[in-house]
Amino acid sequence: MVHSMCVLVKANDQQTSLQQVGKLIRESRLKADLTQKELAQKLGISAPTVNKYENNGQQVTIEVLSKIAHVLDLDLLVGFQT
């Protein structure tokens, strides 16, 4: 089953948007029954980096979001709003 992942980044509210992205990553990872370490291994990054994406609002590149969408079987729609 493919789930949708919609990421809307507001130019004037970057931190809130990053927190929303982190929440989406966490929820999708849990639905896929993966640990942060398992997701990190599939993405070729470290578990602490996955943790930072999910909990600290660390910026995620489009490339990493694309990999996350592929691993978690998500449709990825990224939009930018000013």
N, C-alpha and C. Protein backbone atom coordinates (compact mmCIF):
# COMPACT_ATOMS: atom_id res chain seq x y z
N MET A 1 0.84 -1.18 0.00
CA MET A 1 0.00 0.00 0.00
C MET A 1 0.88 1.24 0.00
N VAL A 2 0.65 2.13 -0.93
CA VAL A 2 1.42 3.36 -1.03
C VAL A 2 0.71 4.44 -0.24
N HIS A 3 1.46 5.10 0.64
CA HIS A 3 0.93 6.20 1.43
C HIS A 3 1.43 7.50 0.83
N SER A 4 0.72 8.57 1.05
CA SER A 4 1.15 9.86 0.54
C SER A 4 1.93 10.61 1.61
N MET A 5 2.97 11.29 1.19
CA MET A 5 3.75 12.14 2.08
C MET A 5 3.78 13.52 1.43
N CYS A 6 3.12 14.46 2.03
CA CYS A 6 3.05 15.80 1.48
C CYS A 6 3.90 16.72 2.35
N VAL A 7 4.84 17.40 1.73
CA VAL A 7 5.71 18.32 2.45
C VAL A 7 5.51 19.71 1.86
N LEU A 8 4.99 20.60 2.65
CA LEU A 8 4.80 21.98 2.22
C LEU A 8 5.69 22.87 3.08
N VAL A 9 6.64 23.50 2.47
CA VAL A 9 7.58 24.34 3.19
C VAL A 9 7.19 25.80 2.97
N LYS A 10 6.91 26.48 4.05
CA LYS A 10 6.59 27.90 3.99
C LYS A 10 7.88 28.69 4.17
N ALA A 11 8.11 29.62 3.29
CA ALA A 11 9.35 30.39 3.31
C ALA A 11 9.52 31.15 4.62
N ASN A 12 8.44 31.57 5.24
CA ASN A 12 8.55 32.39 6.45
C ASN A 12 8.43 31.57 7.73
N ASP A 13 8.30 30.28 7.63
CA ASP A 13 8.10 29.46 8.82
C ASP A 13 8.86 28.14 8.68
N GLN A 14 10.15 28.23 8.39
CA GLN A 14 10.96 27.06 8.08
C GLN A 14 11.03 26.07 9.23
N GLN A 15 11.20 26.53 10.47
CA GLN A 15 11.35 25.61 11.59
C GLN A 15 10.11 24.75 11.79
N THR A 16 8.94 25.36 11.74
CA THR A 16 7.70 24.61 11.89
C THR A 16 7.56 23.58 10.79
N SER A 17 7.89 23.94 9.56
CA SER A 17 7.80 23.02 8.44
C SER A 17 8.75 21.85 8.63
N LEU A 18 9.96 22.10 9.11
CA LEU A 18 10.91 21.02 9.34
C LEU A 18 10.42 20.08 10.43
N GLN A 19 9.78 20.62 11.44
CA GLN A 19 9.21 19.77 12.49
C GLN A 19 8.09 18.90 11.92
N GLN A 20 7.29 19.45 11.01
CA GLN A 20 6.23 18.67 10.38
C GLN A 20 6.82 17.56 9.52
N VAL A 21 7.90 17.84 8.81
CA VAL A 21 8.58 16.82 8.01
C VAL A 21 9.08 15.71 8.92
N GLY A 22 9.70 16.09 10.03
CA GLY A 22 10.19 15.10 10.98
C GLY A 22 9.08 14.21 11.51
N LYS A 23 7.94 14.81 11.80
CA LYS A 23 6.79 14.05 12.30
C LYS A 23 6.30 13.06 11.23
N LEU A 24 6.26 13.51 9.99
CA LEU A 24 5.84 12.62 8.90
C LEU A 24 6.81 11.45 8.73
N ILE A 25 8.11 11.73 8.84
CA ILE A 25 9.10 10.67 8.72
C ILE A 25 8.92 9.65 9.84
N ARG A 26 8.78 10.15 11.07
CA ARG A 26 8.62 9.25 12.22
C ARG A 26 7.36 8.39 12.08
N GLU A 27 6.22 9.02 11.76
CA GLU A 27 4.96 8.28 11.64
C GLU A 27 5.06 7.22 10.54
N SER A 28 5.66 7.58 9.42
CA SER A 28 5.79 6.64 8.31
C SER A 28 6.74 5.50 8.65
N ARG A 29 7.81 5.81 9.35
CA ARG A 29 8.78 4.79 9.76
C ARG A 29 8.11 3.79 10.71
N LEU A 30 7.35 4.31 11.67
CA LEU A 30 6.66 3.44 12.63
C LEU A 30 5.62 2.57 11.93
N LYS A 31 4.90 3.13 10.96
CA LYS A 31 3.91 2.34 10.21
C LYS A 31 4.59 1.22 9.44
N ALA A 32 5.83 1.47 9.00
CA ALA A 32 6.60 0.46 8.27
C ALA A 32 7.27 -0.53 9.23
N ASP A 33 7.09 -0.32 10.52
CA ASP A 33 7.66 -1.18 11.56
C ASP A 33 9.18 -1.25 11.47
N LEU A 34 9.80 -0.08 11.31
CA LEU A 34 11.26 0.02 11.25
C LEU A 34 11.77 0.84 12.43
N THR A 35 12.93 0.47 12.94
CA THR A 35 13.60 1.31 13.93
C THR A 35 14.34 2.41 13.19
N GLN A 36 14.80 3.41 13.94
CA GLN A 36 15.61 4.46 13.32
C GLN A 36 16.87 3.86 12.71
N LYS A 37 17.46 2.89 13.41
CA LYS A 37 18.68 2.25 12.91
C LYS A 37 18.42 1.51 11.60
N GLU A 38 17.31 0.80 11.54
CA GLU A 38 16.98 0.06 10.31
C GLU A 38 16.73 1.01 9.14
N LEU A 39 16.00 2.10 9.40
CA LEU A 39 15.76 3.08 8.33
C LEU A 39 17.08 3.70 7.90
N ALA A 40 17.91 4.04 8.85
CA ALA A 40 19.21 4.64 8.53
C ALA A 40 20.04 3.72 7.64
N GLN A 41 20.06 2.44 7.96
CA GLN A 41 20.82 1.48 7.15
C GLN A 41 20.30 1.43 5.73
N LYS A 42 18.99 1.45 5.57
CA LYS A 42 18.40 1.42 4.24
C LYS A 42 18.69 2.69 3.45
N LEU A 43 18.86 3.81 4.17
CA LEU A 43 19.14 5.09 3.52
C LEU A 43 20.62 5.35 3.32
N GLY A 44 21.46 4.58 4.01
CA GLY A 44 22.90 4.81 3.93
C GLY A 44 23.36 6.01 4.73
N ILE A 45 22.63 6.29 5.83
CA ILE A 45 23.00 7.38 6.73
C ILE A 45 23.06 6.83 8.15
N SER A 46 23.41 7.66 9.12
CA SER A 46 23.51 7.19 10.50
C SER A 46 22.16 7.29 11.22
N ALA A 47 21.99 6.45 12.23
CA ALA A 47 20.78 6.49 13.05
C ALA A 47 20.62 7.84 13.76
N PRO A 48 21.73 8.44 14.27
CA PRO A 48 21.57 9.77 14.88
C PRO A 48 21.05 10.82 13.89
N THR A 49 21.38 10.67 12.61
CA THR A 49 20.87 11.61 11.61
C THR A 49 19.36 11.43 11.45
N VAL A 50 18.89 10.20 11.40
CA VAL A 50 17.44 9.94 11.32
C VAL A 50 16.77 10.54 12.56
N ASN A 51 17.37 10.35 13.71
CA ASN A 51 16.82 10.91 14.95
C ASN A 51 16.72 12.43 14.86
N LYS A 52 17.74 13.06 14.32
CA LYS A 52 17.72 14.53 14.18
C LYS A 52 16.62 14.97 13.21
N TYR A 53 16.44 14.23 12.11
CA TYR A 53 15.35 14.57 11.19
C TYR A 53 14.01 14.50 11.90
N GLU A 54 13.81 13.43 12.67
CA GLU A 54 12.52 13.21 13.32
C GLU A 54 12.26 14.13 14.50
N ASN A 55 13.28 14.42 15.29
CA ASN A 55 13.05 15.09 16.57
C ASN A 55 13.58 16.51 16.69
N ASN A 56 14.58 16.86 15.91
CA ASN A 56 15.21 18.17 16.09
C ASN A 56 14.92 19.16 14.97
N GLY A 57 14.13 18.75 14.00
CA GLY A 57 13.83 19.65 12.89
C GLY A 57 15.03 19.92 12.00
N GLN A 58 15.94 18.95 11.90
CA GLN A 58 17.11 19.14 11.03
C GLN A 58 16.67 19.13 9.57
N GLN A 59 17.26 19.99 8.77
CA GLN A 59 16.92 20.07 7.36
C GLN A 59 17.20 18.74 6.67
N VAL A 60 16.30 18.38 5.78
CA VAL A 60 16.41 17.16 5.00
C VAL A 60 16.48 17.57 3.53
N THR A 61 17.47 17.05 2.82
CA THR A 61 17.58 17.39 1.40
C THR A 61 16.49 16.67 0.61
N ILE A 62 16.21 17.18 -0.57
CA ILE A 62 15.24 16.55 -1.46
C ILE A 62 15.69 15.13 -1.79
N GLU A 63 16.99 14.95 -1.96
CA GLU A 63 17.51 13.62 -2.27
C GLU A 63 17.21 12.62 -1.16
N VAL A 64 17.42 13.04 0.09
CA VAL A 64 17.14 12.16 1.23
C VAL A 64 15.64 11.93 1.36
N LEU A 65 14.84 12.97 1.16
CA LEU A 65 13.38 12.79 1.21
C LEU A 65 12.92 11.80 0.14
N SER A 66 13.53 11.86 -1.01
CA SER A 66 13.20 10.94 -2.09
C SER A 66 13.55 9.51 -1.69
N LYS A 67 14.71 9.31 -1.07
CA LYS A 67 15.11 7.98 -0.60
C LYS A 67 14.15 7.48 0.48
N ILE A 68 13.79 8.37 1.41
CA ILE A 68 12.86 8.01 2.47
C ILE A 68 11.53 7.57 1.86
N ALA A 69 11.04 8.33 0.89
CA ALA A 69 9.77 7.98 0.24
C ALA A 69 9.86 6.62 -0.43
N HIS A 70 10.98 6.34 -1.07
CA HIS A 70 11.16 5.05 -1.74
C HIS A 70 11.19 3.91 -0.72
N VAL A 71 11.99 4.06 0.33
CA VAL A 71 12.14 3.00 1.34
C VAL A 71 10.82 2.74 2.07
N LEU A 72 10.09 3.81 2.36
CA LEU A 72 8.85 3.67 3.13
C LEU A 72 7.62 3.54 2.24
N ASP A 73 7.83 3.41 0.92
CA ASP A 73 6.76 3.23 -0.04
C ASP A 73 5.73 4.36 0.04
N LEU A 74 6.25 5.59 -0.07
CA LEU A 74 5.42 6.78 0.01
C LEU A 74 5.41 7.52 -1.32
N ASP A 75 4.31 8.16 -1.63
CA ASP A 75 4.29 9.13 -2.71
C ASP A 75 4.79 10.43 -2.11
N LEU A 76 5.70 11.09 -2.75
CA LEU A 76 6.29 12.31 -2.21
C LEU A 76 5.87 13.50 -3.06
N LEU A 77 5.27 14.48 -2.41
CA LEU A 77 4.89 15.72 -3.05
C LEU A 77 5.50 16.84 -2.23
N VAL A 78 6.38 17.59 -2.83
CA VAL A 78 7.06 18.68 -2.13
C VAL A 78 6.62 19.99 -2.76
N GLY A 79 6.20 20.92 -1.93
CA GLY A 79 5.77 22.23 -2.41
C GLY A 79 6.41 23.33 -1.60
N PHE A 80 6.54 24.46 -2.22
CA PHE A 80 7.11 25.63 -1.53
C PHE A 80 6.11 26.75 -1.60
N GLN A 81 5.85 27.36 -0.47
CA GLN A 81 4.87 28.44 -0.39
C GLN A 81 5.56 29.66 0.20
N THR A 82 5.28 30.81 -0.37
CA THR A 82 5.86 32.05 0.16
C THR A 82 4.83 32.81 0.95
